[in-house]
């Protein structure tokens, strides 16, 4: 599968962005232009069942990784200089590291251990409810830190989201994709984070990963704390 993508900048592709569950390439609408202004060619993918990419009702993390790597290689002969993954996109990025071989990787509140074999009906109900809540009105009420452009991007992404692709992912086998430390990597997490607890953060540091906290930030850090998010990457 080749995935839909959005590109910024005139330079050859060198930065890869992977959105989270229920997001899309447009989730990076504010981050990507800043990176492009710094001289990078930036590519954000729509993962299977998201945005403009086709559904994959047999989806597994391995199949998504194959689609990501195939798409990147169709756009560039070189490995990414930098790859950034948010949440589920970070899980995919971690699993893709051996094949994608980016020079550096940034994970944004991304769990690396996936629990598998979830009940399909329960997953279907959960994702259906999540989609129904992600209207513009619902996002304004639940996420007051979103700008109107943020709301537009996330509500549109939810309207394109394929529930059955997510159900297949939930039902597929779980695994542990925690990076082995061979790729220089940074975890940026809100503090506190339900995904990257203090215990998990210390375990990541023990493996050689840098971990930066953004106190008070939300799960989508660049929406709630844009300057702090960019500063965390710059400082690293």
Protein backbone atom coordinates (compact mmCIF):
# COMPACT_ATOMS: atom_id res chain seq x y z
CA UNK A 1 0.00 0.00 0.00
CA UNK A 2 1.23 3.49 -0.87
CA UNK A 3 -0.08 6.14 1.49
CA UNK A 4 -1.39 9.61 0.77
CA UNK A 5 0.91 12.37 1.92
CA UNK A 6 1.24 16.13 2.25
CA UNK A 7 4.55 17.87 1.58
CA UNK A 8 6.01 21.22 2.65
CA UNK A 9 9.19 22.95 1.51
CA UNK A 10 11.23 23.00 -1.69
CA UNK A 11 14.08 20.80 -0.44
CA UNK A 12 14.18 17.02 -1.05
CA UNK A 13 12.24 15.06 1.60
CA UNK A 14 14.23 14.73 4.81
CA UNK A 15 11.66 14.90 7.62
CA UNK A 16 8.86 12.37 8.11
CA UNK A 17 5.81 13.05 10.31
CA UNK A 18 3.39 10.35 11.51
CA UNK A 19 0.11 11.38 13.16
CA UNK A 20 -1.76 9.68 15.98
CA UNK A 21 -4.92 7.57 15.97
CA UNK A 22 -7.92 9.43 14.48
CA UNK A 23 -5.58 12.13 13.15
CA UNK A 24 -4.23 12.83 9.68
CA UNK A 25 -1.31 14.48 7.92
CA UNK A 26 -3.13 17.78 8.50
CA UNK A 27 -2.64 17.35 12.25
CA UNK A 28 0.86 18.75 11.59
CA UNK A 29 -0.45 21.87 9.83
CA UNK A 30 1.37 24.22 12.21
CA UNK A 31 4.52 22.19 12.88
CA UNK A 32 5.41 21.20 9.31
CA UNK A 33 5.71 24.75 7.85
CA UNK A 34 8.11 25.74 10.64
CA UNK A 35 10.37 22.79 9.82
CA UNK A 36 10.12 23.60 6.11
CA UNK A 37 11.13 27.21 6.77
CA UNK A 38 14.32 25.84 8.30
CA UNK A 39 15.25 24.30 4.97
CA UNK A 40 13.83 20.80 5.37
CA UNK A 41 11.64 18.91 2.94
CA UNK A 42 8.80 17.75 5.17
CA UNK A 43 6.43 14.87 4.43
CA UNK A 44 3.42 13.93 6.59
CA UNK A 45 1.68 10.65 5.81
CA UNK A 46 -1.95 9.67 6.21
CA UNK A 47 -1.73 6.25 7.86
CA UNK A 48 -4.05 3.48 6.58
CA UNK A 49 -7.70 4.26 7.27
CA UNK A 50 -6.88 7.90 8.01
CA UNK A 51 -7.14 11.05 5.93
CA UNK A 52 -6.90 10.30 2.22
CA UNK A 53 -5.28 6.86 2.60
CA UNK A 54 -7.27 3.72 1.87
CA UNK A 55 -8.59 1.54 4.68
CA UNK A 56 -6.84 -1.71 5.56
CA UNK A 57 -9.33 -4.05 7.20
CA UNK A 58 -6.49 -6.57 7.80
CA UNK A 59 -4.25 -3.98 9.43
CA UNK A 60 -1.42 -4.92 11.78
CA UNK A 61 1.43 -2.73 12.94
CA UNK A 62 3.73 -4.69 10.61
CA UNK A 63 1.46 -3.97 7.62
CA UNK A 64 1.33 -0.28 8.51
CA UNK A 65 5.13 -0.21 8.81
CA UNK A 66 5.42 -1.74 5.34
CA UNK A 67 3.13 0.95 3.95
CA UNK A 68 5.10 3.74 5.65
CA UNK A 69 8.47 2.45 4.45
CA UNK A 70 7.20 1.80 0.91
CA UNK A 71 5.74 5.30 0.68
CA UNK A 72 8.85 7.00 2.02
CA UNK A 73 11.06 5.09 -0.42
CA UNK A 74 8.79 6.17 -3.27
CA UNK A 75 9.52 9.78 -2.30
CA UNK A 76 13.21 9.65 -1.36
CA UNK A 77 16.28 7.52 -1.99
CA UNK A 78 17.70 8.54 1.39
CA UNK A 79 16.64 7.69 4.93
CA UNK A 80 14.90 10.50 6.84
CA UNK A 81 17.21 12.84 8.70
CA UNK A 82 14.44 13.19 11.27
CA UNK A 83 11.25 11.21 11.88
CA UNK A 84 8.57 12.34 14.36
CA UNK A 85 5.68 10.14 15.50
CA UNK A 86 2.81 11.06 17.79
CA UNK A 87 1.09 8.43 19.97
CA UNK A 88 0.03 5.59 17.61
CA UNK A 89 2.24 7.16 14.93
CA UNK A 90 5.13 6.89 17.37
CA UNK A 91 4.38 3.22 17.91
CA UNK A 92 4.52 2.72 14.15
CA UNK A 93 7.74 4.72 13.95
CA UNK A 94 9.36 2.60 16.67
CA UNK A 95 8.42 -0.59 14.82
CA UNK A 96 9.72 0.92 11.57
CA UNK A 97 13.15 2.00 12.87
CA UNK A 98 15.06 -1.07 11.58
CA UNK A 99 13.67 -0.62 8.06
CA UNK A 100 13.31 3.15 7.89
CA UNK A 101 16.68 3.87 9.59
CA UNK A 102 16.16 7.59 10.31
CA UNK A 103 19.18 9.53 11.56
CA UNK A 104 17.15 10.76 14.55
CA UNK A 105 13.69 9.96 15.91
CA UNK A 106 11.29 11.97 18.08
CA UNK A 107 8.40 10.26 19.84
CA UNK A 108 5.53 12.36 21.17
CA UNK A 109 3.80 10.65 24.13
CA UNK A 110 4.06 7.33 22.29
CA UNK A 111 3.53 3.94 23.95
CA UNK A 112 5.87 1.27 22.58
CA UNK A 113 4.11 -1.80 24.00
CA UNK A 114 0.88 -2.71 22.21
CA UNK A 115 -1.62 -4.92 23.94
CA UNK A 116 -3.13 -7.22 21.31
CA UNK A 117 -6.19 -9.38 20.72
CA UNK A 118 -8.76 -6.84 21.93
CA UNK A 119 -12.40 -7.80 21.50
CA UNK A 120 -13.52 -6.53 18.10
CA UNK A 121 -16.98 -5.45 19.23
CA UNK A 122 -15.57 -3.49 22.16
CA UNK A 123 -13.00 -1.82 19.92
CA UNK A 124 -15.66 -0.99 17.34
CA UNK A 125 -17.86 0.63 19.98
CA UNK A 126 -14.93 2.59 21.41
CA UNK A 127 -13.76 4.01 18.09
CA UNK A 128 -17.29 4.73 16.90
CA UNK A 129 -17.92 6.75 20.06
CA UNK A 130 -14.60 8.55 19.60
CA UNK A 131 -15.50 9.55 16.05
CA UNK A 132 -18.95 10.75 17.11
CA UNK A 133 -17.39 12.98 19.80
CA UNK A 134 -14.92 14.60 17.40
CA UNK A 135 -17.25 17.07 15.79
CA UNK A 136 -16.27 20.73 15.74
CA UNK A 137 -18.75 21.40 18.52
CA UNK A 138 -17.51 18.47 20.57
CA UNK A 139 -13.87 19.47 20.19
CA UNK A 140 -14.58 23.07 21.21
CA UNK A 141 -16.23 21.82 24.39
CA UNK A 142 -13.66 19.17 25.29
CA UNK A 143 -10.44 20.79 24.07
CA UNK A 144 -10.63 24.52 24.70
CA UNK A 145 -6.91 24.88 23.97
CA UNK A 146 -7.55 24.03 20.29
CA UNK A 147 -7.55 26.90 17.82
CA UNK A 148 -10.27 26.99 15.17
CA UNK A 149 -7.73 25.66 12.65
CA UNK A 150 -6.88 22.80 15.01
CA UNK A 151 -10.58 22.00 15.33
CA UNK A 152 -11.01 22.04 11.58
CA UNK A 153 -8.10 19.64 11.07
CA UNK A 154 -9.13 17.15 13.76
CA UNK A 155 -12.85 17.17 12.98
CA UNK A 156 -12.13 16.54 9.29
CA UNK A 157 -9.69 13.76 10.20
CA UNK A 158 -12.35 12.09 12.35
CA UNK A 159 -14.85 12.24 9.50
CA UNK A 160 -12.39 10.34 7.26
CA UNK A 161 -11.38 7.80 9.91
CA UNK A 162 -12.09 4.14 9.09
CA UNK A 163 -13.26 2.39 12.25
CA UNK A 164 -12.75 -1.12 10.85
CA UNK A 165 -9.05 -0.46 10.19
CA UNK A 166 -8.64 0.47 13.85
CA UNK A 167 -10.63 -2.59 14.91
CA UNK A 168 -8.29 -4.84 12.92
CA UNK A 169 -5.27 -3.19 14.58
CA UNK A 170 -6.79 -3.67 18.03
CA UNK A 171 -7.50 -7.33 17.37
CA UNK A 172 -4.04 -8.05 15.93
CA UNK A 173 -1.26 -9.52 18.12
CA UNK A 174 0.53 -7.23 20.55
CA UNK A 175 4.27 -6.68 20.79
CA UNK A 176 6.98 -4.54 22.37
CA UNK A 177 8.62 -2.09 19.96
CA UNK A 178 10.68 -0.18 22.50
CA UNK A 179 13.72 1.16 20.59
CA UNK A 180 17.00 -0.57 21.39
CA UNK A 181 19.00 2.66 21.56
CA UNK A 182 20.77 2.30 18.21
CA UNK A 183 18.91 5.34 16.81
CA UNK A 184 19.35 8.65 18.65
CA UNK A 185 15.87 9.30 20.02
CA UNK A 186 13.87 11.74 22.11
CA UNK A 187 10.59 11.19 23.92
CA UNK A 188 8.59 14.38 24.50
CA UNK A 189 5.81 13.78 27.01
CA UNK A 190 3.27 15.89 28.87
CA UNK A 191 3.76 15.81 32.60
CA UNK A 192 1.93 13.91 33.88
CA UNK A 193 1.34 11.37 31.11
CA UNK A 194 -0.85 8.25 31.37
CA UNK A 195 1.16 6.67 28.56
CA UNK A 196 4.75 7.51 29.54
CA UNK A 197 4.71 7.27 33.31
CA UNK A 198 7.73 8.23 35.41
CA UNK A 199 8.64 4.54 35.63
CA UNK A 200 8.49 4.15 31.84
CA UNK A 201 10.46 7.37 31.37
CA UNK A 202 13.26 6.11 33.61
CA UNK A 203 13.36 2.80 31.72
CA UNK A 204 13.67 4.71 28.44
CA UNK A 205 16.49 6.85 29.83
CA UNK A 206 18.26 3.67 30.93
CA UNK A 207 18.16 2.55 27.29
CA UNK A 208 19.79 5.79 26.18
CA UNK A 209 16.70 7.71 25.06
CA UNK A 210 16.37 11.37 26.02
CA UNK A 211 13.09 12.23 27.73
CA UNK A 212 11.79 15.79 27.97
CA UNK A 213 8.76 16.77 30.05
CA UNK A 214 6.34 19.56 29.16
CA UNK A 215 4.41 20.25 32.38
CA UNK A 216 0.70 20.79 31.93
CA UNK A 217 0.69 19.88 28.25
CA UNK A 218 -2.00 17.78 26.61
CA UNK A 219 -1.50 14.51 24.72
CA UNK A 220 -1.17 16.44 21.43
CA UNK A 221 1.56 18.64 22.83
CA UNK A 222 1.97 21.02 19.90
CA UNK A 223 -1.71 21.96 20.09
CA UNK A 224 -1.57 22.97 23.74
CA UNK A 225 2.12 23.99 24.10
CA UNK A 226 3.45 24.75 20.62
CA UNK A 227 6.53 26.79 21.59
CA UNK A 228 7.54 24.35 24.33
CA UNK A 229 7.16 21.43 21.94
CA UNK A 230 9.48 22.99 19.35
CA UNK A 231 11.91 24.07 22.08
CA UNK A 232 12.13 20.49 23.37
CA UNK A 233 13.18 19.27 19.92
CA UNK A 234 15.56 22.20 19.35
CA UNK A 235 17.23 21.76 22.74
CA UNK A 236 17.80 18.08 22.04
